[in-house]
């Protein structure tokens, strides 16, 4: 395994503040085949949080997108999380996505983690855990509060039993509050996105205590998808700060497509350790392919217009990853 020190250049060299953070990253690269990936994943999330940075999470729908993400991650020397929703897993195959990410970890000199994004049932959680995913998001946010707690607790209990039997750790995340569900282009804010449906610090503390989750995704004004003819709502940073002070698990920001750079930096400074982007890279990929096909109407080779989609997507991925490290 090759050794890389590319991550060191991101921070001030030799400072006490980032020393343990850098050791974790370099150690993973040097000992990649020996260290349990899930343990490194957990430690890395906490180190990013301590350093006031965030790990980027991008969803994929095909191999072109996966390669685009990992090529940028390797260029920047930063770890990355690849996510796959239930729809994306149904399209690509649960096992196939795991194999793709395994191959990417072998081929590229960078840490790539695999997350089962928004998973709505216990059976689907079991499926991805047994398939070897590094983490899973149990999404019961649309359920009444007590039903959400019960679903997440059932999944956490299963995962802990699985860990005890296999020795392999799987991180469990859950969300609370309304942030919508569709990663698409929207004419207006989805119904339900309002200040009344933001997560409170009391709810966050109770939810985490009762479920035993490893990571928590609050509703702080974020919304899935992107608005076409309206301005994205500002994030409620004050609410996020309250939640950060009340809980001791890493916080995750979903639905960050379209949010301003200023808001994202403030959110990371306030305690966000992972930022999810999906709609924005999907749009870039689609627009790149469309541009190529408009200019070459007789071309039918997917690898040609797919390459243009990759290049446009990589611009967004790079900009986001650089932003999260500021």
C-alpha atoms as a PDB file:
ATOM      1  CA  UNK A   1       0.000   0.000   0.000  1.00  0.00           C
ATOM      2  CA  UNK A   2       1.384   3.366  -0.999  1.00  0.00           C
ATOM      3  CA  UNK A   3       1.731   6.040   1.621  1.00  0.00           C
ATOM      4  CA  UNK A   4       0.379   9.531   1.059  1.00  0.00           C
ATOM      5  CA  UNK A   5       0.870  12.713   3.024  1.00  0.00           C
ATOM      6  CA  UNK A   6      -1.443  14.758   0.827  1.00  0.00           C
ATOM      7  CA  UNK A   7      -3.848  15.332   3.716  1.00  0.00           C
ATOM      8  CA  UNK A   8      -1.170  17.082   5.741  1.00  0.00           C
ATOM      9  CA  UNK A   9      -1.103  19.990   3.310  1.00  0.00           C
ATOM     10  CA  UNK A  10      -4.720  20.797   4.125  1.00  0.00           C
ATOM     11  CA  UNK A  11      -3.796  21.878   7.643  1.00  0.00           C
ATOM     12  CA  UNK A  12      -0.979  23.776   9.283  1.00  0.00           C
ATOM     13  CA  UNK A  13       1.835  21.259   9.643  1.00  0.00           C
ATOM     14  CA  UNK A  14       2.971  20.352  13.134  1.00  0.00           C
ATOM     15  CA  UNK A  15       0.211  22.085  15.081  1.00  0.00           C
ATOM     16  CA  UNK A  16      -1.114  20.319  18.157  1.00  0.00           C
ATOM     17  CA  UNK A  17      -4.710  20.970  17.107  1.00  0.00           C
ATOM     18  CA  UNK A  18      -4.592  18.645  14.110  1.00  0.00           C
ATOM     19  CA  UNK A  19      -1.894  16.134  15.089  1.00  0.00           C
ATOM     20  CA  UNK A  20      -4.203  13.275  16.115  1.00  0.00           C
ATOM     21  CA  UNK A  21      -6.459  14.031  13.141  1.00  0.00           C
ATOM     22  CA  UNK A  22      -3.572  13.615  10.716  1.00  0.00           C
ATOM     23  CA  UNK A  23      -2.315  10.475  12.438  1.00  0.00           C
ATOM     24  CA  UNK A  24      -5.702   8.812  11.936  1.00  0.00           C
ATOM     25  CA  UNK A  25      -5.741   9.643   8.219  1.00  0.00           C
ATOM     26  CA  UNK A  26      -2.151   8.606   7.536  1.00  0.00           C
ATOM     27  CA  UNK A  27      -2.518   5.464   9.656  1.00  0.00           C
ATOM     28  CA  UNK A  28      -5.523   4.387   7.646  1.00  0.00           C
ATOM     29  CA  UNK A  29      -3.628   4.717   4.381  1.00  0.00           C
ATOM     30  CA  UNK A  30      -0.563   2.849   5.684  1.00  0.00           C
ATOM     31  CA  UNK A  31      -2.521   0.049   7.392  1.00  0.00           C
ATOM     32  CA  UNK A  32      -5.516  -0.038   5.094  1.00  0.00           C
ATOM     33  CA  UNK A  33      -5.608  -3.800   4.756  1.00  0.00           C
ATOM     34  CA  UNK A  34      -5.077  -4.453   8.486  1.00  0.00           C
ATOM     35  CA  UNK A  35      -7.324  -1.993  10.335  1.00  0.00           C
ATOM     36  CA  UNK A  36     -11.077  -2.707  10.533  1.00  0.00           C
ATOM     37  CA  UNK A  37     -12.607  -0.100   8.247  1.00  0.00           C
ATOM     38  CA  UNK A  38     -15.599   0.520  10.499  1.00  0.00           C
ATOM     39  CA  UNK A  39     -13.366   1.412  13.461  1.00  0.00           C
ATOM     40  CA  UNK A  40     -11.382   3.880  11.374  1.00  0.00           C
ATOM     41  CA  UNK A  41     -14.646   5.320  10.047  1.00  0.00           C
ATOM     42  CA  UNK A  42     -15.946   6.022  13.547  1.00  0.00           C
ATOM     43  CA  UNK A  43     -12.680   7.561  14.735  1.00  0.00           C
ATOM     44  CA  UNK A  44     -12.341   9.649  11.598  1.00  0.00           C
ATOM     45  CA  UNK A  45     -15.796  11.183  12.014  1.00  0.00           C
ATOM     46  CA  UNK A  46     -14.936  12.227  15.568  1.00  0.00           C
ATOM     47  CA  UNK A  47     -11.560  13.618  14.503  1.00  0.00           C
ATOM     48  CA  UNK A  48     -13.178  15.710  11.784  1.00  0.00           C
ATOM     49  CA  UNK A  49     -15.695  17.037  14.289  1.00  0.00           C
ATOM     50  CA  UNK A  50     -12.928  17.959  16.740  1.00  0.00           C
ATOM     51  CA  UNK A  51     -10.984  19.732  14.006  1.00  0.00           C
ATOM     52  CA  UNK A  52     -14.026  21.750  12.921  1.00  0.00           C
ATOM     53  CA  UNK A  53     -14.189  20.024   9.524  1.00  0.00           C
ATOM     54  CA  UNK A  54     -16.740  17.771   7.837  1.00  0.00           C
ATOM     55  CA  UNK A  55     -16.564  14.604   5.758  1.00  0.00           C
ATOM     56  CA  UNK A  56     -18.376  14.752   2.430  1.00  0.00           C
ATOM     57  CA  UNK A  57     -21.151  12.258   1.676  1.00  0.00           C
ATOM     58  CA  UNK A  58     -22.237  11.817  -1.953  1.00  0.00           C
ATOM     59  CA  UNK A  59     -24.814   9.400  -3.351  1.00  0.00           C
ATOM     60  CA  UNK A  60     -24.301   7.318  -6.472  1.00  0.00           C
ATOM     61  CA  UNK A  61     -26.565   5.774  -9.098  1.00  0.00           C
ATOM     62  CA  UNK A  62     -23.879   4.237 -11.309  1.00  0.00           C
ATOM     63  CA  UNK A  63     -20.176   3.433 -11.605  1.00  0.00           C
ATOM     64  CA  UNK A  64     -19.410   6.672 -13.469  1.00  0.00           C
ATOM     65  CA  UNK A  65     -20.545   8.697 -10.482  1.00  0.00           C
ATOM     66  CA  UNK A  66     -18.648   6.500  -8.024  1.00  0.00           C
ATOM     67  CA  UNK A  67     -15.396   6.939  -9.936  1.00  0.00           C
ATOM     68  CA  UNK A  68     -15.908  10.685 -10.261  1.00  0.00           C
ATOM     69  CA  UNK A  69     -16.293  11.023  -6.495  1.00  0.00           C
ATOM     70  CA  UNK A  70     -13.327   8.854  -5.568  1.00  0.00           C
ATOM     71  CA  UNK A  71     -11.002  10.437  -8.133  1.00  0.00           C
ATOM     72  CA  UNK A  72     -11.632  13.845  -6.567  1.00  0.00           C
ATOM     73  CA  UNK A  73     -11.209  12.429  -3.053  1.00  0.00           C
ATOM     74  CA  UNK A  74      -7.846  10.947  -4.000  1.00  0.00           C
ATOM     75  CA  UNK A  75      -6.752  14.197  -5.648  1.00  0.00           C
ATOM     76  CA  UNK A  76      -7.572  16.140  -2.474  1.00  0.00           C
ATOM     77  CA  UNK A  77      -6.250  13.448  -0.134  1.00  0.00           C
ATOM     78  CA  UNK A  78      -9.521  13.366   1.785  1.00  0.00           C
ATOM     79  CA  UNK A  79     -11.729  10.442   2.833  1.00  0.00           C
ATOM     80  CA  UNK A  80     -15.230  10.315   1.413  1.00  0.00           C
ATOM     81  CA  UNK A  81     -18.521   8.572   2.123  1.00  0.00           C
ATOM     82  CA  UNK A  82     -20.471   7.044  -0.742  1.00  0.00           C
ATOM     83  CA  UNK A  83     -24.171   6.735  -0.052  1.00  0.00           C
ATOM     84  CA  UNK A  84     -26.872   4.627  -1.650  1.00  0.00           C
ATOM     85  CA  UNK A  85     -30.560   5.135  -0.934  1.00  0.00           C
ATOM     86  CA  UNK A  86     -33.139   2.352  -1.098  1.00  0.00           C
ATOM     87  CA  UNK A  87     -33.943   3.402  -4.666  1.00  0.00           C
ATOM     88  CA  UNK A  88     -30.298   3.499  -5.683  1.00  0.00           C
ATOM     89  CA  UNK A  89     -29.679   0.128  -4.061  1.00  0.00           C
ATOM     90  CA  UNK A  90     -32.645  -1.384  -5.879  1.00  0.00           C
ATOM     91  CA  UNK A  91     -31.289  -0.051  -9.181  1.00  0.00           C
ATOM     92  CA  UNK A  92     -27.632  -1.025  -8.751  1.00  0.00           C
ATOM     93  CA  UNK A  93     -27.922  -3.976  -6.387  1.00  0.00           C
ATOM     94  CA  UNK A  94     -27.133  -4.014  -2.669  1.00  0.00           C
ATOM     95  CA  UNK A  95     -24.230  -6.453  -3.024  1.00  0.00           C
ATOM     96  CA  UNK A  96     -22.969  -4.874  -6.239  1.00  0.00           C
ATOM     97  CA  UNK A  97     -22.536  -1.469  -4.606  1.00  0.00           C
ATOM     98  CA  UNK A  98     -20.545  -3.062  -1.782  1.00  0.00           C
ATOM     99  CA  UNK A  99     -18.290  -4.776  -4.331  1.00  0.00           C
ATOM    100  CA  UNK A 100     -17.816  -1.543  -6.279  1.00  0.00           C
ATOM    101  CA  UNK A 101     -16.744   0.350  -3.168  1.00  0.00           C
ATOM    102  CA  UNK A 102     -14.407  -2.490  -2.176  1.00  0.00           C
ATOM    103  CA  UNK A 103     -12.759  -2.280  -5.604  1.00  0.00           C
ATOM    104  CA  UNK A 104     -12.477   1.498  -5.368  1.00  0.00           C
ATOM    105  CA  UNK A 105     -10.753   1.133  -1.994  1.00  0.00           C
ATOM    106  CA  UNK A 106      -8.252  -1.218  -3.626  1.00  0.00           C
ATOM    107  CA  UNK A 107      -7.708   0.852  -6.754  1.00  0.00           C
ATOM    108  CA  UNK A 108      -7.468   4.335  -5.235  1.00  0.00           C
ATOM    109  CA  UNK A 109      -5.211   5.553  -2.466  1.00  0.00           C
ATOM    110  CA  UNK A 110      -7.961   7.086  -0.356  1.00  0.00           C
ATOM    111  CA  UNK A 111     -10.440   5.988   2.311  1.00  0.00           C
ATOM    112  CA  UNK A 112     -13.908   5.288   0.880  1.00  0.00           C
ATOM    113  CA  UNK A 113     -16.762   4.365   3.225  1.00  0.00           C
ATOM    114  CA  UNK A 114     -20.176   2.995   2.265  1.00  0.00           C
ATOM    115  CA  UNK A 115     -23.407   4.216   3.837  1.00  0.00           C
ATOM    116  CA  UNK A 116     -26.910   2.831   3.355  1.00  0.00           C
ATOM    117  CA  UNK A 117     -28.771   6.114   3.017  1.00  0.00           C
ATOM    118  CA  UNK A 118     -32.391   6.573   4.171  1.00  0.00           C
ATOM    119  CA  UNK A 119     -33.494   3.057   5.069  1.00  0.00           C
ATOM    120  CA  UNK A 120     -37.131   2.816   6.098  1.00  0.00           C
ATOM    121  CA  UNK A 121     -37.655  -0.691   7.478  1.00  0.00           C
ATOM    122  CA  UNK A 122     -36.015  -3.186   9.810  1.00  0.00           C
ATOM    123  CA  UNK A 123     -35.708  -5.790   7.037  1.00  0.00           C
ATOM    124  CA  UNK A 124     -33.834  -3.359   4.785  1.00  0.00           C
ATOM    125  CA  UNK A 125     -31.474  -2.519   7.657  1.00  0.00           C
ATOM    126  CA  UNK A 126     -30.708  -6.222   8.115  1.00  0.00           C
ATOM    127  CA  UNK A 127     -30.074  -6.528   4.375  1.00  0.00           C
ATOM    128  CA  UNK A 128     -27.400  -3.816   4.208  1.00  0.00           C
ATOM    129  CA  UNK A 129     -25.722  -4.796   7.475  1.00  0.00           C
ATOM    130  CA  UNK A 130     -25.326  -8.382   6.282  1.00  0.00           C
ATOM    131  CA  UNK A 131     -24.072  -7.091   2.927  1.00  0.00           C
ATOM    132  CA  UNK A 132     -21.177  -5.360   4.690  1.00  0.00           C
ATOM    133  CA  UNK A 133     -22.119  -1.679   4.601  1.00  0.00           C
ATOM    134  CA  UNK A 134     -20.139   0.518   6.994  1.00  0.00           C
ATOM    135  CA  UNK A 135     -23.144   2.486   8.235  1.00  0.00           C
ATOM    136  CA  UNK A 136     -26.905   2.729   7.863  1.00  0.00           C
ATOM    137  CA  UNK A 137     -29.428   5.524   8.280  1.00  0.00           C
ATOM    138  CA  UNK A 138     -32.654   4.337   9.874  1.00  0.00           C
ATOM    139  CA  UNK A 139     -35.252   6.816   8.636  1.00  0.00           C
ATOM    140  CA  UNK A 140     -38.427   6.849  10.675  1.00  0.00           C
ATOM    141  CA  UNK A 141     -38.777  10.624  10.541  1.00  0.00           C
ATOM    142  CA  UNK A 142     -42.257  10.448   8.990  1.00  0.00           C
ATOM    143  CA  UNK A 143     -43.511   8.243  11.815  1.00  0.00           C
ATOM    144  CA  UNK A 144     -45.002   9.538  15.067  1.00  0.00           C
ATOM    145  CA  UNK A 145     -42.236  10.173  17.590  1.00  0.00           C
ATOM    146  CA  UNK A 146     -42.680   7.023  19.695  1.00  0.00           C
ATOM    147  CA  UNK A 147     -42.889   4.820  16.588  1.00  0.00           C
ATOM    148  CA  UNK A 148     -39.713   6.416  15.246  1.00  0.00           C
ATOM    149  CA  UNK A 149     -37.944   5.697  18.543  1.00  0.00           C
ATOM    150  CA  UNK A 150     -39.190   2.098  18.541  1.00  0.00           C
ATOM    151  CA  UNK A 151     -38.048   1.425  14.954  1.00  0.00           C
ATOM    152  CA  UNK A 152     -34.611   2.927  15.484  1.00  0.00           C
ATOM    153  CA  UNK A 153     -34.118   1.145  18.829  1.00  0.00           C
ATOM    154  CA  UNK A 154     -35.050  -2.196  17.241  1.00  0.00           C
ATOM    155  CA  UNK A 155     -32.489  -1.615  14.480  1.00  0.00           C
ATOM    156  CA  UNK A 156     -29.775  -0.507  16.909  1.00  0.00           C
ATOM    157  CA  UNK A 157     -30.340  -3.585  19.082  1.00  0.00           C
ATOM    158  CA  UNK A 158     -30.019  -5.818  16.031  1.00  0.00           C
ATOM    159  CA  UNK A 159     -26.823  -4.083  14.912  1.00  0.00           C
ATOM    160  CA  UNK A 160     -25.248  -4.372  18.374  1.00  0.00           C
ATOM    161  CA  UNK A 161     -26.042  -8.102  18.450  1.00  0.00           C
ATOM    162  CA  UNK A 162     -24.577  -8.450  14.966  1.00  0.00           C
ATOM    163  CA  UNK A 163     -21.414  -6.664  16.110  1.00  0.00           C
ATOM    164  CA  UNK A 164     -21.078  -8.962  19.132  1.00  0.00           C
ATOM    165  CA  UNK A 165     -21.344 -12.052  16.918  1.00  0.00           C
ATOM    166  CA  UNK A 166     -19.120 -10.908  14.054  1.00  0.00           C
ATOM    167  CA  UNK A 167     -16.716  -8.385  15.570  1.00  0.00           C
ATOM    168  CA  UNK A 168     -17.548  -5.941  12.764  1.00  0.00           C
ATOM    169  CA  UNK A 169     -18.838  -2.544  13.773  1.00  0.00           C
ATOM    170  CA  UNK A 170     -21.663  -0.868  11.851  1.00  0.00           C
ATOM    171  CA  UNK A 171     -22.560   2.744  12.601  1.00  0.00           C
ATOM    172  CA  UNK A 172     -26.233   3.612  12.960  1.00  0.00           C
ATOM    173  CA  UNK A 173     -27.636   7.053  12.207  1.00  0.00           C
ATOM    174  CA  UNK A 174     -31.196   8.316  12.527  1.00  0.00           C
ATOM    175  CA  UNK A 175     -32.987  11.598  11.911  1.00  0.00           C
ATOM    176  CA  UNK A 176     -35.678  13.569  13.656  1.00  0.00           C
ATOM    177  CA  UNK A 177     -37.803  16.414  12.330  1.00  0.00           C
ATOM    178  CA  UNK A 178     -38.991  17.155   8.808  1.00  0.00           C
ATOM    179  CA  UNK A 179     -36.552  17.747   5.945  1.00  0.00           C
ATOM    180  CA  UNK A 180     -38.528  16.251   3.056  1.00  0.00           C
ATOM    181  CA  UNK A 181     -37.612  13.083   1.194  1.00  0.00           C
ATOM    182  CA  UNK A 182     -37.254  13.749  -2.529  1.00  0.00           C
ATOM    183  CA  UNK A 183     -33.811  14.558  -3.966  1.00  0.00           C
ATOM    184  CA  UNK A 184     -35.218  16.430  -6.937  1.00  0.00           C
ATOM    185  CA  UNK A 185     -35.678  19.932  -8.328  1.00  0.00           C
ATOM    186  CA  UNK A 186     -38.668  21.566  -6.643  1.00  0.00           C
ATOM    187  CA  UNK A 187     -40.744  24.604  -7.553  1.00  0.00           C
ATOM    188  CA  UNK A 188     -41.383  25.418  -3.896  1.00  0.00           C
ATOM    189  CA  UNK A 189     -40.584  24.244  -0.395  1.00  0.00           C
ATOM    190  CA  UNK A 190     -42.226  20.903   0.464  1.00  0.00           C
ATOM    191  CA  UNK A 191     -45.107  21.138   2.895  1.00  0.00           C
ATOM    192  CA  UNK A 192     -43.902  20.486   6.399  1.00  0.00           C
ATOM    193  CA  UNK A 193     -40.657  22.445   6.162  1.00  0.00           C
ATOM    194  CA  UNK A 194     -41.295  25.006   8.867  1.00  0.00           C
ATOM    195  CA  UNK A 195     -39.824  26.267  12.104  1.00  0.00           C
ATOM    196  CA  UNK A 196     -42.425  24.277  14.035  1.00  0.00           C
ATOM    197  CA  UNK A 197     -40.960  21.052  12.635  1.00  0.00           C
ATOM    198  CA  UNK A 198     -37.338  21.797  13.492  1.00  0.00           C
ATOM    199  CA  UNK A 199     -35.634  19.463  15.943  1.00  0.00           C
ATOM    200  CA  UNK A 200     -35.348  20.794  19.491  1.00  0.00           C
ATOM    201  CA  UNK A 201     -32.439  20.111  21.812  1.00  0.00           C
ATOM    202  CA  UNK A 202     -34.795  18.319  24.209  1.00  0.00           C
ATOM    203  CA  UNK A 203     -36.041  16.020  21.451  1.00  0.00           C
ATOM    204  CA  UNK A 204     -32.514  15.343  20.229  1.00  0.00           C
ATOM    205  CA  UNK A 205     -31.245  14.448  23.688  1.00  0.00           C
ATOM    206  CA  UNK A 206     -34.193  12.148  24.454  1.00  0.00           C
ATOM    207  CA  UNK A 207     -34.079  10.475  21.026  1.00  0.00           C
ATOM    208  CA  UNK A 208     -30.355   9.723  21.188  1.00  0.00           C
ATOM    209  CA  UNK A 209     -30.540   8.477  24.780  1.00  0.00           C
ATOM    210  CA  UNK A 210     -33.438   6.122  24.087  1.00  0.00           C
ATOM    211  CA  UNK A 211     -32.186   4.717  20.775  1.00  0.00           C
ATOM    212  CA  UNK A 212     -28.422   4.471  21.337  1.00  0.00           C
ATOM    213  CA  UNK A 213     -27.550   5.704  17.838  1.00  0.00           C
ATOM    214  CA  UNK A 214     -23.993   6.600  16.806  1.00  0.00           C
ATOM    215  CA  UNK A 215     -24.870   9.678  14.714  1.00  0.00           C
ATOM    216  CA  UNK A 216     -27.826  12.042  14.555  1.00  0.00           C
ATOM    217  CA  UNK A 217     -29.366  14.084  11.729  1.00  0.00           C
ATOM    218  CA  UNK A 218     -31.454  17.012  13.010  1.00  0.00           C
ATOM    219  CA  UNK A 219     -33.887  19.184  11.068  1.00  0.00           C
ATOM    220  CA  UNK A 220     -32.466  22.718  11.192  1.00  0.00           C
ATOM    221  CA  UNK A 221     -34.046  24.256   8.095  1.00  0.00           C
ATOM    222  CA  UNK A 222     -32.358  21.874   5.660  1.00  0.00           C
ATOM    223  CA  UNK A 223     -34.469  20.225   2.974  1.00  0.00           C
ATOM    224  CA  UNK A 224     -33.873  17.464   0.459  1.00  0.00           C
ATOM    225  CA  UNK A 225     -33.728  18.479  -3.179  1.00  0.00           C
ATOM    226  CA  UNK A 226     -33.134  21.941  -4.636  1.00  0.00           C
ATOM    227  CA  UNK A 227     -35.482  24.838  -5.270  1.00  0.00           C
ATOM    228  CA  UNK A 228     -35.763  26.029  -8.872  1.00  0.00           C
ATOM    229  CA  UNK A 229     -37.529  29.384  -8.578  1.00  0.00           C
ATOM    230  CA  UNK A 230     -36.938  30.246  -4.953  1.00  0.00           C
ATOM    231  CA  UNK A 231     -34.082  30.831  -2.544  1.00  0.00           C
ATOM    232  CA  UNK A 232     -33.065  27.923  -0.314  1.00  0.00           C
ATOM    233  CA  UNK A 233     -34.121  28.556   3.289  1.00  0.00           C
ATOM    234  CA  UNK A 234     -31.362  29.638   5.643  1.00  0.00           C
ATOM    235  CA  UNK A 235     -30.162  27.078   8.146  1.00  0.00           C
ATOM    236  CA  UNK A 236     -31.062  27.715  11.778  1.00  0.00           C
ATOM    237  CA  UNK A 237     -27.533  27.812  13.140  1.00  0.00           C
ATOM    238  CA  UNK A 238     -28.666  28.887  16.605  1.00  0.00           C
ATOM    239  CA  UNK A 239     -30.830  25.759  16.844  1.00  0.00           C
ATOM    240  CA  UNK A 240     -27.929  23.613  15.669  1.00  0.00           C
ATOM    241  CA  UNK A 241     -25.653  25.106  18.326  1.00  0.00           C
ATOM    242  CA  UNK A 242     -28.219  24.293  21.009  1.00  0.00           C
ATOM    243  CA  UNK A 243     -28.397  20.680  19.835  1.00  0.00           C
ATOM    244  CA  UNK A 244     -24.603  20.388  19.636  1.00  0.00           C
ATOM    245  CA  UNK A 245     -24.270  21.495  23.243  1.00  0.00           C
ATOM    246  CA  UNK A 246     -26.979  19.056  24.372  1.00  0.00           C
ATOM    247  CA  UNK A 247     -25.719  15.832  22.752  1.00  0.00           C
ATOM    248  CA  UNK A 248     -22.429  13.974  22.450  1.00  0.00           C
ATOM    249  CA  UNK A 249     -22.743  12.159  19.112  1.00  0.00           C
ATOM    250  CA  UNK A 250     -21.595  13.469  15.711  1.00  0.00           C
ATOM    251  CA  UNK A 251     -24.244  15.458  13.842  1.00  0.00           C
ATOM    252  CA  UNK A 252     -25.063  15.002  10.167  1.00  0.00           C
ATOM    253  CA  UNK A 253     -26.530  17.538   7.739  1.00  0.00           C
ATOM    254  CA  UNK A 254     -28.877  16.097   5.127  1.00  0.00           C
ATOM    255  CA  UNK A 255     -30.314  17.954   2.149  1.00  0.00           C
ATOM    256  CA  UNK A 256     -27.389  20.359   1.768  1.00  0.00           C
ATOM    257  CA  UNK A 257     -27.795  20.778  -2.003  1.00  0.00           C
ATOM    258  CA  UNK A 258     -28.435  24.437  -2.769  1.00  0.00           C
ATOM    259  CA  UNK A 259     -27.463  25.803   0.644  1.00  0.00           C
ATOM    260  CA  UNK A 260     -25.045  28.723   0.552  1.00  0.00           C
ATOM    261  CA  UNK A 261     -21.353  28.194   1.227  1.00  0.00           C
ATOM    262  CA  UNK A 262     -21.638  30.608   4.133  1.00  0.00           C
ATOM    263  CA  UNK A 263     -24.416  28.587   5.754  1.00  0.00           C
ATOM    264  CA  UNK A 264     -22.556  25.310   5.271  1.00  0.00           C
ATOM    265  CA  UNK A 265     -19.383  26.688   6.847  1.00  0.00           C
ATOM    266  CA  UNK A 266     -21.399  28.014   9.788  1.00  0.00           C
ATOM    267  CA  UNK A 267     -23.072  24.624  10.195  1.00  0.00           C
ATOM    268  CA  UNK A 268     -19.730  22.821  10.228  1.00  0.00           C
ATOM    269  CA  UNK A 269     -18.346  25.325  12.724  1.00  0.00           C
ATOM    270  CA  UNK A 270     -21.432  24.685  14.872  1.00  0.00           C
ATOM    271  CA  UNK A 271     -20.842  20.929  15.025  1.00  0.00           C
ATOM    272  CA  UNK A 272     -21.825  19.220  11.760  1.00  0.00           C
ATOM    273  CA  UNK A 273     -19.371  16.375  11.030  1.00  0.00           C
ATOM    274  CA  UNK A 274     -20.856  14.935   7.804  1.00  0.00           C
ATOM    275  CA  UNK A 275     -22.576  16.824   4.969  1.00  0.00           C
ATOM    276  CA  UNK A 276     -24.843  15.047   2.456  1.00  0.00           C
ATOM    277  CA  UNK A 277     -25.059  16.204  -1.161  1.00  0.00           C
ATOM    278  CA  UNK A 278     -27.107  14.370  -3.779  1.00  0.00           C
ATOM    279  CA  UNK A 279     -29.388  16.557  -5.906  1.00  0.00           C
ATOM    280  CA  UNK A 280     -26.608  18.983  -6.791  1.00  0.00           C
ATOM    281  CA  UNK A 281     -24.283  16.304  -8.161  1.00  0.00           C
ATOM    282  CA  UNK A 282     -27.140  14.521  -9.924  1.00  0.00           C
ATOM    283  CA  UNK A 283     -28.002  17.761 -11.713  1.00  0.00           C
ATOM    284  CA  UNK A 284     -24.367  18.373 -12.666  1.00  0.00           C
ATOM    285  CA  UNK A 285     -24.037  14.838 -14.039  1.00  0.00           C
ATOM    286  CA  UNK A 286     -27.266  15.129 -16.021  1.00  0.00           C
ATOM    287  CA  UNK A 287     -26.393  18.584 -17.362  1.00  0.00           C
ATOM    288  CA  UNK A 288     -22.952  17.395 -18.480  1.00  0.00           C
ATOM    289  CA  UNK A 289     -24.387  14.473 -20.406  1.00  0.00           C
ATOM    290  CA  UNK A 290     -27.118  16.646 -21.930  1.00  0.00           C
ATOM    291  CA  UNK A 291     -24.592  19.239 -23.089  1.00  0.00           C
ATOM    292  CA  UNK A 292     -22.528  16.572 -24.831  1.00  0.00           C
ATOM    293  CA  UNK A 293     -25.564  15.003 -26.500  1.00  0.00           C
ATOM    294  CA  UNK A 294     -26.879  18.387 -27.634  1.00  0.00           C
ATOM    295  CA  UNK A 295     -23.509  19.092 -29.263  1.00  0.00           C
ATOM    296  CA  UNK A 296     -23.201  15.557 -30.670  1.00  0.00           C
ATOM    297  CA  UNK A 297     -26.757  14.477 -31.567  1.00  0.00           C
ATOM    298  CA  UNK A 298     -25.605  11.437 -33.542  1.00  0.00           C
ATOM    299  CA  UNK A 299     -23.402  10.023 -30.773  1.00  0.00           C
ATOM    300  CA  UNK A 300     -24.763   6.918 -29.055  1.00  0.00           C
ATOM    301  CA  UNK A 301     -21.717   5.644 -27.104  1.00  0.00           C
ATOM    302  CA  UNK A 302     -22.530   5.992 -23.377  1.00  0.00           C
ATOM    303  CA  UNK A 303     -18.864   6.158 -22.361  1.00  0.00           C
ATOM    304  CA  UNK A 304     -18.503   9.387 -24.342  1.00  0.00           C
ATOM    305  CA  UNK A 305     -21.411  11.388 -22.930  1.00  0.00           C
ATOM    306  CA  UNK A 306     -20.911   9.667 -19.563  1.00  0.00           C
ATOM    307  CA  UNK A 307     -17.430  11.158 -19.398  1.00  0.00           C
ATOM    308  CA  UNK A 308     -18.866  14.661 -19.773  1.00  0.00           C
ATOM    309  CA  UNK A 309     -21.288  13.919 -16.949  1.00  0.00           C
ATOM    310  CA  UNK A 310     -18.378  12.821 -14.792  1.00  0.00           C
ATOM    311  CA  UNK A 311     -16.380  15.971 -15.476  1.00  0.00           C
ATOM    312  CA  UNK A 312     -19.254  18.298 -14.569  1.00  0.00           C
ATOM    313  CA  UNK A 313     -20.020  16.285 -11.459  1.00  0.00           C
ATOM    314  CA  UNK A 314     -16.369  16.341 -10.357  1.00  0.00           C
ATOM    315  CA  UNK A 315     -16.415  20.148 -10.342  1.00  0.00           C
ATOM    316  CA  UNK A 316     -19.205  20.128  -7.771  1.00  0.00           C
ATOM    317  CA  UNK A 317     -17.645  17.339  -5.709  1.00  0.00           C
ATOM    318  CA  UNK A 318     -14.313  19.147  -5.556  1.00  0.00           C
ATOM    319  CA  UNK A 319     -15.862  22.474  -4.608  1.00  0.00           C
ATOM    320  CA  UNK A 320     -17.858  20.855  -1.798  1.00  0.00           C
ATOM    321  CA  UNK A 321     -14.959  18.834  -0.404  1.00  0.00           C
ATOM    322  CA  UNK A 322     -12.689  21.870  -0.382  1.00  0.00           C
ATOM    323  CA  UNK A 323     -15.403  23.934   1.303  1.00  0.00           C
ATOM    324  CA  UNK A 324     -15.903  21.404   4.096  1.00  0.00           C
ATOM    325  CA  UNK A 325     -12.198  21.573   4.959  1.00  0.00           C
ATOM    326  CA  UNK A 326     -12.026  25.360   5.369  1.00  0.00           C
END
